[in-house]
Amino acid sequence: MEPDDWRLTLKLKSHRALLEYMEFHRIGTAYELARRSKLKPGVVGHLVARRRNSCSLKTARAIEEALQCPPGFLFEARMSQVADTRRQSDAA
């Protein structure tokens, strides 16, 4: 039996805090936050619009740096188990 695969994801702690930091820095849109973070607008847009609440470490750090907030203030680290579709189909 193979060991389970785990992935580090970062979960947004507070959507309100994200929006308030954006407002404080006069960032009116997810697109503008993405530009300042040097990220693709889709990922940032999903976080701002509440369609997603997690992202990669790289994305979280870029957003926190762009908003000049302390590291780990907006996002918390979580480990999640990755489903291996190959193993699931073999077991069926």
C-alpha atoms as a PDB file:
ATOM      1  CA  MET A   1       0.000   0.000   0.000  1.00  0.00           C
ATOM      2  CA  GLU A   2       1.369   3.422  -0.987  1.00  0.00           C
ATOM      3  CA  PRO A   3       1.488   6.326   1.480  1.00  0.00           C
ATOM      4  CA  ASP A   4      -1.258   8.921   1.146  1.00  0.00           C
ATOM      5  CA  ASP A   5      -0.451  12.152  -0.665  1.00  0.00           C
ATOM      6  CA  TRP A   6      -0.978  15.381   1.230  1.00  0.00           C
ATOM      7  CA  ARG A   7      -1.033  18.945  -0.023  1.00  0.00           C
ATOM      8  CA  LEU A   8      -0.496  22.222   1.803  1.00  0.00           C
ATOM      9  CA  THR A   9      -3.230  24.739   1.084  1.00  0.00           C
ATOM     10  CA  LEU A  10      -3.884  28.085   2.674  1.00  0.00           C
ATOM     11  CA  LYS A  11      -7.391  28.989   3.750  1.00  0.00           C
ATOM     12  CA  LEU A  12      -8.618  32.566   3.870  1.00  0.00           C
ATOM     13  CA  LYS A  13      -9.356  33.335   7.532  1.00  0.00           C
ATOM     14  CA  SER A  14     -11.668  36.293   6.956  1.00  0.00           C
ATOM     15  CA  HIS A  15     -13.217  37.507   3.734  1.00  0.00           C
ATOM     16  CA  ARG A  16     -14.107  40.755   5.501  1.00  0.00           C
ATOM     17  CA  ALA A  17     -10.457  41.365   6.454  1.00  0.00           C
ATOM     18  CA  LEU A  18      -9.400  40.814   2.823  1.00  0.00           C
ATOM     19  CA  LEU A  19     -11.945  43.376   1.616  1.00  0.00           C
ATOM     20  CA  GLU A  20     -10.982  45.872   4.342  1.00  0.00           C
ATOM     21  CA  TYR A  21      -7.281  45.622   3.456  1.00  0.00           C
ATOM     22  CA  MET A  22      -8.200  46.141  -0.189  1.00  0.00           C
ATOM     23  CA  GLU A  23     -10.256  49.203   0.725  1.00  0.00           C
ATOM     24  CA  PHE A  24      -7.474  50.587   2.944  1.00  0.00           C
ATOM     25  CA  HIS A  25      -5.016  50.359   0.040  1.00  0.00           C
ATOM     26  CA  ARG A  26      -7.607  51.762  -2.382  1.00  0.00           C
ATOM     27  CA  ILE A  27      -7.809  48.551  -4.386  1.00  0.00           C
ATOM     28  CA  GLY A  28     -11.311  48.480  -5.796  1.00  0.00           C
ATOM     29  CA  THR A  29     -11.298  45.275  -7.814  1.00  0.00           C
ATOM     30  CA  ALA A  30      -9.943  41.749  -7.748  1.00  0.00           C
ATOM     31  CA  TYR A  31      -8.253  42.527 -11.071  1.00  0.00           C
ATOM     32  CA  GLU A  32      -6.305  45.381  -9.465  1.00  0.00           C
ATOM     33  CA  LEU A  33      -5.292  43.161  -6.539  1.00  0.00           C
ATOM     34  CA  ALA A  34      -4.137  40.501  -8.999  1.00  0.00           C
ATOM     35  CA  ARG A  35      -2.091  43.070 -10.902  1.00  0.00           C
ATOM     36  CA  ARG A  36      -0.411  44.325  -7.724  1.00  0.00           C
ATOM     37  CA  SER A  37       0.183  40.744  -6.564  1.00  0.00           C
ATOM     38  CA  LYS A  38       1.518  39.714  -9.984  1.00  0.00           C
ATOM     39  CA  LEU A  39      -1.014  36.862 -10.064  1.00  0.00           C
ATOM     40  CA  LYS A  40      -3.573  35.684 -12.583  1.00  0.00           C
ATOM     41  CA  PRO A  41      -6.885  37.512 -12.134  1.00  0.00           C
ATOM     42  CA  GLY A  42      -8.964  34.311 -12.022  1.00  0.00           C
ATOM     43  CA  VAL A  43      -7.568  32.957  -8.765  1.00  0.00           C
ATOM     44  CA  VAL A  44      -7.731  36.316  -7.007  1.00  0.00           C
ATOM     45  CA  GLY A  45     -11.214  36.951  -8.402  1.00  0.00           C
ATOM     46  CA  HIS A  46     -12.502  33.678  -6.961  1.00  0.00           C
ATOM     47  CA  LEU A  47     -11.130  34.573  -3.510  1.00  0.00           C
ATOM     48  CA  VAL A  48     -12.557  38.091  -3.553  1.00  0.00           C
ATOM     49  CA  ALA A  49     -15.965  36.898  -4.833  1.00  0.00           C
ATOM     50  CA  ARG A  50     -16.108  34.087  -2.230  1.00  0.00           C
ATOM     51  CA  ARG A  51     -16.210  31.348  -4.855  1.00  0.00           C
ATOM     52  CA  ARG A  52     -13.053  29.913  -3.269  1.00  0.00           C
ATOM     53  CA  ASN A  53     -11.606  30.198   0.200  1.00  0.00           C
ATOM     54  CA  SER A  54      -8.250  28.503  -0.306  1.00  0.00           C
ATOM     55  CA  CYS A  55      -5.179  28.908  -2.476  1.00  0.00           C
ATOM     56  CA  SER A  56      -1.523  27.959  -2.751  1.00  0.00           C
ATOM     57  CA  LEU A  57       1.208  29.258  -0.481  1.00  0.00           C
ATOM     58  CA  LYS A  58       2.633  31.325  -3.351  1.00  0.00           C
ATOM     59  CA  THR A  59      -0.726  33.002  -3.994  1.00  0.00           C
ATOM     60  CA  ALA A  60      -1.370  33.717  -0.305  1.00  0.00           C
ATOM     61  CA  ARG A  61       2.072  35.248   0.176  1.00  0.00           C
ATOM     62  CA  ALA A  62       1.741  37.415  -2.939  1.00  0.00           C
ATOM     63  CA  ILE A  63      -1.634  38.756  -1.784  1.00  0.00           C
ATOM     64  CA  GLU A  64      -0.403  39.467   1.749  1.00  0.00           C
ATOM     65  CA  GLU A  65       2.666  41.250   0.380  1.00  0.00           C
ATOM     66  CA  ALA A  66       0.576  43.337  -2.025  1.00  0.00           C
ATOM     67  CA  LEU A  67      -1.736  44.326   0.843  1.00  0.00           C
ATOM     68  CA  GLN A  68       1.223  44.935   3.191  1.00  0.00           C
ATOM     69  CA  CYS A  69      -0.242  42.818   5.960  1.00  0.00           C
ATOM     70  CA  PRO A  70       1.725  40.521   8.267  1.00  0.00           C
ATOM     71  CA  PRO A  71       2.457  37.047   6.877  1.00  0.00           C
ATOM     72  CA  GLY A  72      -0.204  34.617   8.043  1.00  0.00           C
ATOM     73  CA  PHE A  73      -2.696  37.367   8.908  1.00  0.00           C
ATOM     74  CA  LEU A  74      -5.171  36.642   6.113  1.00  0.00           C
ATOM     75  CA  PHE A  75      -4.454  32.953   5.475  1.00  0.00           C
ATOM     76  CA  GLU A  76      -3.911  29.878   7.646  1.00  0.00           C
ATOM     77  CA  ALA A  77      -2.096  26.733   6.555  1.00  0.00           C
ATOM     78  CA  ARG A  78      -4.014  23.471   6.214  1.00  0.00           C
ATOM     79  CA  MET A  79      -2.972  20.016   5.093  1.00  0.00           C
ATOM     80  CA  SER A  80      -5.453  18.191   2.897  1.00  0.00           C
ATOM     81  CA  GLN A  81      -5.368  14.676   1.576  1.00  0.00           C
ATOM     82  CA  VAL A  82      -5.174  14.381  -2.185  1.00  0.00           C
ATOM     83  CA  ALA A  83      -7.454  11.825  -3.767  1.00  0.00           C
ATOM     84  CA  ASP A  84      -5.580   9.467  -6.040  1.00  0.00           C
ATOM     85  CA  THR A  85      -8.052   8.612  -8.799  1.00  0.00           C
ATOM     86  CA  ARG A  86      -5.765   5.875 -10.067  1.00  0.00           C
ATOM     87  CA  ARG A  87      -5.924   3.956  -6.781  1.00  0.00           C
ATOM     88  CA  GLN A  88      -9.684   4.490  -6.470  1.00  0.00           C
ATOM     89  CA  SER A  89     -10.359   3.058  -9.924  1.00  0.00           C
ATOM     90  CA  ASP A  90      -8.073   0.045  -9.225  1.00  0.00           C
ATOM     91  CA  ALA A  91     -10.016  -0.748  -6.063  1.00  0.00           C
ATOM     92  CA  ALA A  92     -13.381  -0.731  -7.857  1.00  0.00           C
END
